[in-house]
Amino acid sequence: QGVTVHEPQRLADALDAFQRTAAPEDGLLLIGSHKLVQELPDEYRGSK
């Protein structure tokens, strides 16, 4: 795709891959960035 702004697209791709492949608990263990965690949907914040 002819997008020149790479950072947002990489974040979107990373979140998409995360949502497809990682369980919520695994994702929170792997991701140390609070900023990234805040970008996740509620179901991926480890809420039980």
PDB file of N, CA and C in Angstrom:
ATOM      1  N   GLN A   1       0.841  -1.189   0.000  1.00  0.00           N
ATOM      2  CA  GLN A   1       0.000   0.000   0.000  1.00  0.00           C
ATOM      3  C   GLN A   1       0.876   1.239   0.000  1.00  0.00           C
ATOM      4  N   GLY A   2       0.481   2.269  -0.716  1.00  0.00           N
ATOM      5  CA  GLY A   2       1.338   3.431  -0.898  1.00  0.00           C
ATOM      6  C   GLY A   2       1.306   4.397   0.264  1.00  0.00           C
ATOM      7  N   VAL A   3       1.423   3.871   1.467  1.00  0.00           N
ATOM      8  CA  VAL A   3       1.400   4.734   2.648  1.00  0.00           C
ATOM      9  C   VAL A   3       2.820   5.144   2.995  1.00  0.00           C
ATOM     10  N   THR A   4       3.044   6.445   3.220  1.00  0.00           N
ATOM     11  CA  THR A   4       4.390   6.918   3.513  1.00  0.00           C
ATOM     12  C   THR A   4       4.620   7.098   5.002  1.00  0.00           C
ATOM     13  N   VAL A   5       3.567   7.089   5.791  1.00  0.00           N
ATOM     14  CA  VAL A   5       3.705   7.202   7.243  1.00  0.00           C
ATOM     15  C   VAL A   5       3.765   5.793   7.815  1.00  0.00           C
ATOM     16  N   HIS A   6       4.963   5.378   8.243  1.00  0.00           N
ATOM     17  CA  HIS A   6       5.178   3.969   8.546  1.00  0.00           C
ATOM     18  C   HIS A   6       4.862   3.608   9.990  1.00  0.00           C
ATOM     19  N   GLU A   7       5.122   4.517  10.916  1.00  0.00           N
ATOM     20  CA  GLU A   7       4.951   4.165  12.328  1.00  0.00           C
ATOM     21  C   GLU A   7       3.518   3.726  12.668  1.00  0.00           C
ATOM     22  N   PRO A   8       2.484   4.504  12.333  1.00  0.00           N
ATOM     23  CA  PRO A   8       1.119   4.074  12.676  1.00  0.00           C
ATOM     24  C   PRO A   8       0.759   2.736  12.031  1.00  0.00           C
ATOM     25  N   GLN A   9       1.199   2.521  10.791  1.00  0.00           N
ATOM     26  CA  GLN A   9       0.862   1.271  10.115  1.00  0.00           C
ATOM     27  C   GLN A   9       1.541   0.086  10.793  1.00  0.00           C
ATOM     28  N   ARG A  10       2.805   0.264  11.223  1.00  0.00           N
ATOM     29  CA  ARG A  10       3.474  -0.829  11.923  1.00  0.00           C
ATOM     30  C   ARG A  10       2.772  -1.135  13.236  1.00  0.00           C
ATOM     31  N   LEU A  11       2.322  -0.102  13.934  1.00  0.00           N
ATOM     32  CA  LEU A  11       1.589  -0.321  15.182  1.00  0.00           C
ATOM     33  C   LEU A  11       0.291  -1.069  14.897  1.00  0.00           C
ATOM     34  N   ALA A  12      -0.408  -0.669  13.867  1.00  0.00           N
ATOM     35  CA  ALA A  12      -1.659  -1.342  13.506  1.00  0.00           C
ATOM     36  C   ALA A  12      -1.402  -2.804  13.161  1.00  0.00           C
ATOM     37  N   ASP A  13      -0.342  -3.061  12.398  1.00  0.00           N
ATOM     38  CA  ASP A  13      -0.010  -4.439  12.040  1.00  0.00           C
ATOM     39  C   ASP A  13       0.354  -5.247  13.271  1.00  0.00           C
ATOM     40  N   ALA A  14       1.110  -4.648  14.170  1.00  0.00           N
ATOM     41  CA  ALA A  14       1.519  -5.347  15.389  1.00  0.00           C
ATOM     42  C   ALA A  14       0.302  -5.681  16.246  1.00  0.00           C
ATOM     43  N   LEU A  15      -0.604  -4.729  16.388  1.00  0.00           N
ATOM     44  CA  LEU A  15      -1.815  -4.984  17.174  1.00  0.00           C
ATOM     45  C   LEU A  15      -2.674  -6.055  16.513  1.00  0.00           C
ATOM     46  N   ASP A  16      -2.754  -6.025  15.190  1.00  0.00           N
ATOM     47  CA  ASP A  16      -3.549  -7.020  14.473  1.00  0.00           C
ATOM     48  C   ASP A  16      -2.972  -8.413  14.674  1.00  0.00           C
ATOM     49  N   ALA A  17      -1.647  -8.533  14.537  1.00  0.00           N
ATOM     50  CA  ALA A  17      -0.991  -9.823  14.738  1.00  0.00           C
ATOM     51  C   ALA A  17      -1.156 -10.290  16.176  1.00  0.00           C
ATOM     52  N   PHE A  18      -1.027  -9.351  17.107  1.00  0.00           N
ATOM     53  CA  PHE A  18      -1.183  -9.681  18.528  1.00  0.00           C
ATOM     54  C   PHE A  18      -2.577 -10.224  18.803  1.00  0.00           C
ATOM     55  N   GLN A  19      -3.580  -9.571  18.264  1.00  0.00           N
ATOM     56  CA  GLN A  19      -4.962  -9.983  18.512  1.00  0.00           C
ATOM     57  C   GLN A  19      -5.238 -11.360  17.920  1.00  0.00           C
ATOM     58  N   ARG A  20      -4.573 -11.691  16.815  1.00  0.00           N
ATOM     59  CA  ARG A  20      -4.814 -12.992  16.188  1.00  0.00           C
ATOM     60  C   ARG A  20      -4.072 -14.121  16.892  1.00  0.00           C
ATOM     61  N   THR A  21      -2.910 -13.819  17.474  1.00  0.00           N
ATOM     62  CA  THR A  21      -2.031 -14.905  17.903  1.00  0.00           C
ATOM     63  C   THR A  21      -1.840 -15.023  19.405  1.00  0.00           C
ATOM     64  N   ALA A  22      -2.081 -13.963  20.168  1.00  0.00           N
ATOM     65  CA  ALA A  22      -1.729 -13.983  21.583  1.00  0.00           C
ATOM     66  C   ALA A  22      -2.970 -14.037  22.460  1.00  0.00           C
ATOM     67  N   ALA A  23      -2.890 -14.847  23.497  1.00  0.00           N
ATOM     68  CA  ALA A  23      -3.917 -14.801  24.531  1.00  0.00           C
ATOM     69  C   ALA A  23      -3.715 -13.530  25.346  1.00  0.00           C
ATOM     70  N   PRO A  24      -4.779 -12.985  25.952  1.00  0.00           N
ATOM     71  CA  PRO A  24      -4.650 -11.743  26.725  1.00  0.00           C
ATOM     72  C   PRO A  24      -3.557 -11.821  27.784  1.00  0.00           C
ATOM     73  N   GLU A  25      -3.500 -12.922  28.519  1.00  0.00           N
ATOM     74  CA  GLU A  25      -2.499 -13.038  29.585  1.00  0.00           C
ATOM     75  C   GLU A  25      -1.088 -13.050  28.993  1.00  0.00           C
ATOM     76  N   ASP A  26      -0.900 -13.780  27.894  1.00  0.00           N
ATOM     77  CA  ASP A  26       0.409 -13.840  27.259  1.00  0.00           C
ATOM     78  C   ASP A  26       0.824 -12.466  26.754  1.00  0.00           C
ATOM     79  N   GLY A  27      -0.128 -11.756  26.156  1.00  0.00           N
ATOM     80  CA  GLY A  27       0.180 -10.452  25.598  1.00  0.00           C
ATOM     81  C   GLY A  27       0.650  -9.475  26.661  1.00  0.00           C
ATOM     82  N   LEU A  28      -0.011  -9.490  27.816  1.00  0.00           N
ATOM     83  CA  LEU A  28       0.369  -8.556  28.867  1.00  0.00           C
ATOM     84  C   LEU A  28       1.733  -8.911  29.437  1.00  0.00           C
ATOM     85  N   LEU A  29       2.101 -10.196  29.406  1.00  0.00           N
ATOM     86  CA  LEU A  29       3.436 -10.576  29.865  1.00  0.00           C
ATOM     87  C   LEU A  29       4.499 -10.137  28.865  1.00  0.00           C
ATOM     88  N   LEU A  30       4.169 -10.212  27.578  1.00  0.00           N
ATOM     89  CA  LEU A  30       5.150  -9.909  26.544  1.00  0.00           C
ATOM     90  C   LEU A  30       5.314  -8.409  26.335  1.00  0.00           C
ATOM     91  N   ILE A  31       4.246  -7.646  26.555  1.00  0.00           N
ATOM     92  CA  ILE A  31       4.287  -6.211  26.250  1.00  0.00           C
ATOM     93  C   ILE A  31       4.564  -5.420  27.519  1.00  0.00           C
ATOM     94  N   GLY A  32       5.708  -4.760  27.570  1.00  0.00           N
ATOM     95  CA  GLY A  32       6.073  -3.981  28.741  1.00  0.00           C
ATOM     96  C   GLY A  32       5.650  -2.534  28.637  1.00  0.00           C
ATOM     97  N   SER A  33       5.180  -2.117  27.468  1.00  0.00           N
ATOM     98  CA  SER A  33       4.858  -0.710  27.257  1.00  0.00           C
ATOM     99  C   SER A  33       3.428  -0.413  27.674  1.00  0.00           C
ATOM    100  N   HIS A  34       3.273   0.439  28.678  1.00  0.00           N
ATOM    101  CA  HIS A  34       1.930   0.815  29.111  1.00  0.00           C
ATOM    102  C   HIS A  34       1.188   1.536  27.992  1.00  0.00           C
ATOM    103  N   LYS A  35       1.938   2.291  27.191  1.00  0.00           N
ATOM    104  CA  LYS A  35       1.295   3.020  26.104  1.00  0.00           C
ATOM    105  C   LYS A  35       0.657   2.043  25.119  1.00  0.00           C
ATOM    106  N   LEU A  36       1.364   0.972  24.788  1.00  0.00           N
ATOM    107  CA  LEU A  36       0.808   0.003  23.853  1.00  0.00           C
ATOM    108  C   LEU A  36      -0.387  -0.713  24.465  1.00  0.00           C
ATOM    109  N   VAL A  37      -0.287  -1.049  25.742  1.00  0.00           N
ATOM    110  CA  VAL A  37      -1.404  -1.708  26.423  1.00  0.00           C
ATOM    111  C   VAL A  37      -2.647  -0.824  26.378  1.00  0.00           C
ATOM    112  N   GLN A  38      -2.460   0.472  26.517  1.00  0.00           N
ATOM    113  CA  GLN A  38      -3.601   1.388  26.475  1.00  0.00           C
ATOM    114  C   GLN A  38      -4.268   1.396  25.101  1.00  0.00           C
ATOM    115  N   GLU A  39      -3.514   1.045  24.059  1.00  0.00           N
ATOM    116  CA  GLU A  39      -4.073   1.028  22.710  1.00  0.00           C
ATOM    117  C   GLU A  39      -4.896  -0.226  22.439  1.00  0.00           C
ATOM    118  N   LEU A  40      -4.772  -1.231  23.293  1.00  0.00           N
ATOM    119  CA  LEU A  40      -5.451  -2.495  23.054  1.00  0.00           C
ATOM    120  C   LEU A  40      -6.927  -2.407  23.417  1.00  0.00           C
ATOM    121  N   PRO A  41      -7.753  -3.212  22.743  1.00  0.00           N
ATOM    122  CA  PRO A  41      -9.163  -3.306  23.146  1.00  0.00           C
ATOM    123  C   PRO A  41      -9.278  -3.856  24.555  1.00  0.00           C
ATOM    124  N   ASP A  42     -10.404  -3.614  25.196  1.00  0.00           N
ATOM    125  CA  ASP A  42     -10.594  -4.018  26.588  1.00  0.00           C
ATOM    126  C   ASP A  42     -10.361  -5.504  26.797  1.00  0.00           C
ATOM    127  N   GLU A  43     -10.739  -6.332  25.836  1.00  0.00           N
ATOM    128  CA  GLU A  43     -10.621  -7.771  26.030  1.00  0.00           C
ATOM    129  C   GLU A  43      -9.164  -8.228  26.048  1.00  0.00           C
ATOM    130  N   TYR A  44      -8.226  -7.358  25.649  1.00  0.00           N
ATOM    131  CA  TYR A  44      -6.814  -7.721  25.665  1.00  0.00           C
ATOM    132  C   TYR A  44      -6.061  -7.066  26.824  1.00  0.00           C
ATOM    133  N   ARG A  45      -6.780  -6.479  27.766  1.00  0.00           N
ATOM    134  CA  ARG A  45      -6.114  -5.837  28.901  1.00  0.00           C
ATOM    135  C   ARG A  45      -6.020  -6.776  30.096  1.00  0.00           C
ATOM    136  N   GLY A  46      -6.398  -8.039  29.919  1.00  0.00           N
ATOM    137  CA  GLY A  46      -6.296  -9.006  31.003  1.00  0.00           C
ATOM    138  C   GLY A  46      -7.376  -8.844  32.045  1.00  0.00           C
ATOM    139  N   SER A  47      -8.474  -8.201  31.696  1.00  0.00           N
ATOM    140  CA  SER A  47      -9.565  -8.025  32.653  1.00  0.00           C
ATOM    141  C   SER A  47     -10.279  -9.354  32.858  1.00  0.00           C
ATOM    142  N   LYS A  48     -10.463  -9.727  34.128  1.00  0.00           N
ATOM    143  CA  LYS A  48     -11.102 -11.012  34.414  1.00  0.00           C
ATOM    144  C   LYS A  48     -12.262 -10.785  35.371  1.00  0.00           C
TER     145      LYS A  48
END
